Amino acid sequence: SITIILTIPTIVGGIYGMNVRLPFANAYWAFWWLIGGTAILCGLAAWWLWRQDYF
C-alpha cells in the first residue's frame, strides 16, 4: 500500500518532467499548487487504503 501512495508523486513528477508545453508553467504559484495537490491526493489514497484495511 505504501507503493501505491508513493506512485502518485512519481506520476505527477514524470508528467511535469517531460519537455512539452504545460499549463501554468510560468506561474509563480504553480509549483506550490502542484505540491499541495499531490499531497492531497496522497492523503486521500492513504485514507482510502486505511478504510479498506490495506495497511
N, C-alpha and C. Protein backbone atom coordinates (compact mmCIF):
# COMPACT_ATOMS: atom_id res chain seq x y z
N SER A 1 0.82 -1.20 0.00
CA SER A 1 0.00 0.00 0.00
C SER A 1 0.87 1.26 0.00
N ILE A 2 2.04 1.19 0.60
CA ILE A 2 2.96 2.34 0.56
C ILE A 2 3.39 2.60 -0.88
N THR A 3 3.57 1.54 -1.63
CA THR A 3 3.96 1.68 -3.03
C THR A 3 2.90 2.42 -3.83
N ILE A 4 1.64 2.14 -3.54
CA ILE A 4 0.55 2.83 -4.24
C ILE A 4 0.58 4.32 -3.94
N ILE A 5 0.79 4.66 -2.68
CA ILE A 5 0.82 6.06 -2.27
C ILE A 5 2.01 6.78 -2.90
N LEU A 6 3.17 6.14 -2.92
CA LEU A 6 4.37 6.78 -3.47
C LEU A 6 4.37 6.82 -5.00
N THR A 7 3.47 6.10 -5.63
CA THR A 7 3.36 6.15 -7.09
C THR A 7 2.76 7.48 -7.55
N ILE A 8 1.90 8.07 -6.75
CA ILE A 8 1.22 9.31 -7.13
C ILE A 8 2.22 10.45 -7.39
N PRO A 9 3.15 10.75 -6.45
CA PRO A 9 4.12 11.81 -6.77
C PRO A 9 5.04 11.46 -7.93
N THR A 10 5.32 10.18 -8.12
CA THR A 10 6.16 9.76 -9.24
C THR A 10 5.47 10.05 -10.57
N ILE A 11 4.19 9.78 -10.64
CA ILE A 11 3.44 10.05 -11.87
C ILE A 11 3.36 11.55 -12.13
N VAL A 12 3.05 12.32 -11.11
CA VAL A 12 2.95 13.78 -11.27
C VAL A 12 4.30 14.36 -11.68
N GLY A 13 5.37 13.92 -11.02
CA GLY A 13 6.71 14.39 -11.38
C GLY A 13 7.11 13.98 -12.78
N GLY A 14 6.72 12.78 -13.19
CA GLY A 14 7.02 12.32 -14.54
C GLY A 14 6.31 13.14 -15.60
N ILE A 15 5.06 13.49 -15.33
CA ILE A 15 4.31 14.31 -16.29
C ILE A 15 4.92 15.69 -16.40
N TYR A 16 5.24 16.31 -15.28
CA TYR A 16 5.80 17.66 -15.32
C TYR A 16 7.29 17.67 -15.66
N GLY A 17 7.92 16.52 -15.74
CA GLY A 17 9.32 16.44 -16.13
C GLY A 17 9.51 16.30 -17.63
N MET A 18 8.43 16.12 -18.38
CA MET A 18 8.53 15.98 -19.83
C MET A 18 8.82 17.34 -20.47
N ASN A 19 9.48 17.29 -21.59
CA ASN A 19 9.84 18.52 -22.30
C ASN A 19 8.73 18.93 -23.27
N VAL A 20 7.58 19.21 -22.72
CA VAL A 20 6.45 19.69 -23.51
C VAL A 20 5.89 20.94 -22.83
N ARG A 21 5.10 21.67 -23.56
CA ARG A 21 4.48 22.88 -23.00
C ARG A 21 3.37 22.46 -22.04
N LEU A 22 3.43 22.97 -20.83
CA LEU A 22 2.47 22.61 -19.80
C LEU A 22 1.69 23.84 -19.35
N PRO A 23 0.46 23.64 -18.92
CA PRO A 23 -0.32 24.78 -18.43
C PRO A 23 0.29 25.33 -17.14
N PHE A 24 0.27 26.63 -17.01
CA PHE A 24 0.75 27.35 -15.82
C PHE A 24 2.24 27.13 -15.55
N ALA A 25 3.02 26.81 -16.56
CA ALA A 25 4.45 26.54 -16.37
C ALA A 25 5.20 27.79 -15.91
N ASN A 26 4.75 28.97 -16.28
CA ASN A 26 5.45 30.19 -15.90
C ASN A 26 4.81 30.91 -14.72
N ALA A 27 3.78 30.35 -14.15
CA ALA A 27 3.12 30.98 -13.00
C ALA A 27 3.94 30.72 -11.74
N TYR A 28 4.09 31.73 -10.91
CA TYR A 28 4.90 31.60 -9.70
C TYR A 28 4.24 30.69 -8.67
N TRP A 29 2.93 30.55 -8.70
CA TRP A 29 2.21 29.76 -7.71
C TRP A 29 2.00 28.31 -8.15
N ALA A 30 2.34 27.97 -9.38
CA ALA A 30 2.05 26.64 -9.91
C ALA A 30 2.78 25.53 -9.14
N PHE A 31 4.01 25.78 -8.74
CA PHE A 31 4.78 24.77 -8.01
C PHE A 31 4.09 24.41 -6.70
N TRP A 32 3.65 25.42 -5.97
CA TRP A 32 3.04 25.15 -4.66
C TRP A 32 1.67 24.50 -4.81
N TRP A 33 0.92 24.86 -5.84
CA TRP A 33 -0.35 24.19 -6.10
C TRP A 33 -0.12 22.73 -6.47
N LEU A 34 0.93 22.48 -7.24
CA LEU A 34 1.25 21.11 -7.63
C LEU A 34 1.66 20.27 -6.42
N ILE A 35 2.49 20.84 -5.56
CA ILE A 35 2.90 20.13 -4.34
C ILE A 35 1.69 19.88 -3.44
N GLY A 36 0.85 20.90 -3.26
CA GLY A 36 -0.34 20.75 -2.42
C GLY A 36 -1.32 19.73 -2.98
N GLY A 37 -1.56 19.79 -4.28
CA GLY A 37 -2.47 18.84 -4.91
C GLY A 37 -1.96 17.41 -4.81
N THR A 38 -0.66 17.23 -4.98
CA THR A 38 -0.08 15.91 -4.86
C THR A 38 -0.19 15.40 -3.43
N ALA A 39 0.05 16.27 -2.45
CA ALA A 39 -0.07 15.87 -1.05
C ALA A 39 -1.51 15.49 -0.71
N ILE A 40 -2.46 16.24 -1.24
CA ILE A 40 -3.88 15.92 -1.00
C ILE A 40 -4.23 14.57 -1.63
N LEU A 41 -3.79 14.33 -2.86
CA LEU A 41 -4.05 13.04 -3.50
C LEU A 41 -3.43 11.88 -2.72
N CYS A 42 -2.21 12.07 -2.23
CA CYS A 42 -1.56 11.03 -1.43
C CYS A 42 -2.33 10.80 -0.13
N GLY A 43 -2.77 11.87 0.50
CA GLY A 43 -3.55 11.75 1.72
C GLY A 43 -4.87 11.03 1.50
N LEU A 44 -5.55 11.35 0.40
CA LEU A 44 -6.80 10.67 0.08
C LEU A 44 -6.57 9.19 -0.22
N ALA A 45 -5.49 8.88 -0.92
CA ALA A 45 -5.18 7.48 -1.21
C ALA A 45 -4.87 6.73 0.08
N ALA A 46 -4.11 7.35 0.98
CA ALA A 46 -3.80 6.71 2.26
C ALA A 46 -5.05 6.50 3.09
N TRP A 47 -5.92 7.50 3.11
CA TRP A 47 -7.18 7.38 3.85
C TRP A 47 -8.03 6.25 3.28
N TRP A 48 -8.16 6.18 1.97
CA TRP A 48 -8.97 5.14 1.35
C TRP A 48 -8.38 3.75 1.62
N LEU A 49 -7.06 3.63 1.50
CA LEU A 49 -6.43 2.34 1.78
C LEU A 49 -6.59 1.95 3.24
N TRP A 50 -6.54 2.92 4.13
CA TRP A 50 -6.74 2.66 5.56
C TRP A 50 -8.15 2.13 5.81
N ARG A 51 -9.13 2.73 5.16
CA ARG A 51 -10.52 2.30 5.34
C ARG A 51 -10.77 0.91 4.74
N GLN A 52 -10.02 0.56 3.73
CA GLN A 52 -10.17 -0.76 3.10
C GLN A 52 -9.32 -1.83 3.79
N ASP A 53 -8.64 -1.47 4.88
CA ASP A 53 -7.76 -2.37 5.65
C ASP A 53 -6.60 -2.92 4.82
N TYR A 54 -6.05 -2.08 3.95
CA TYR A 54 -4.87 -2.47 3.19
C TYR A 54 -3.58 -2.11 3.91
N PHE A 55 -3.66 -1.32 4.97
CA PHE A 55 -2.46 -1.01 5.74
C PHE A 55 -2.25 -2.05 6.79
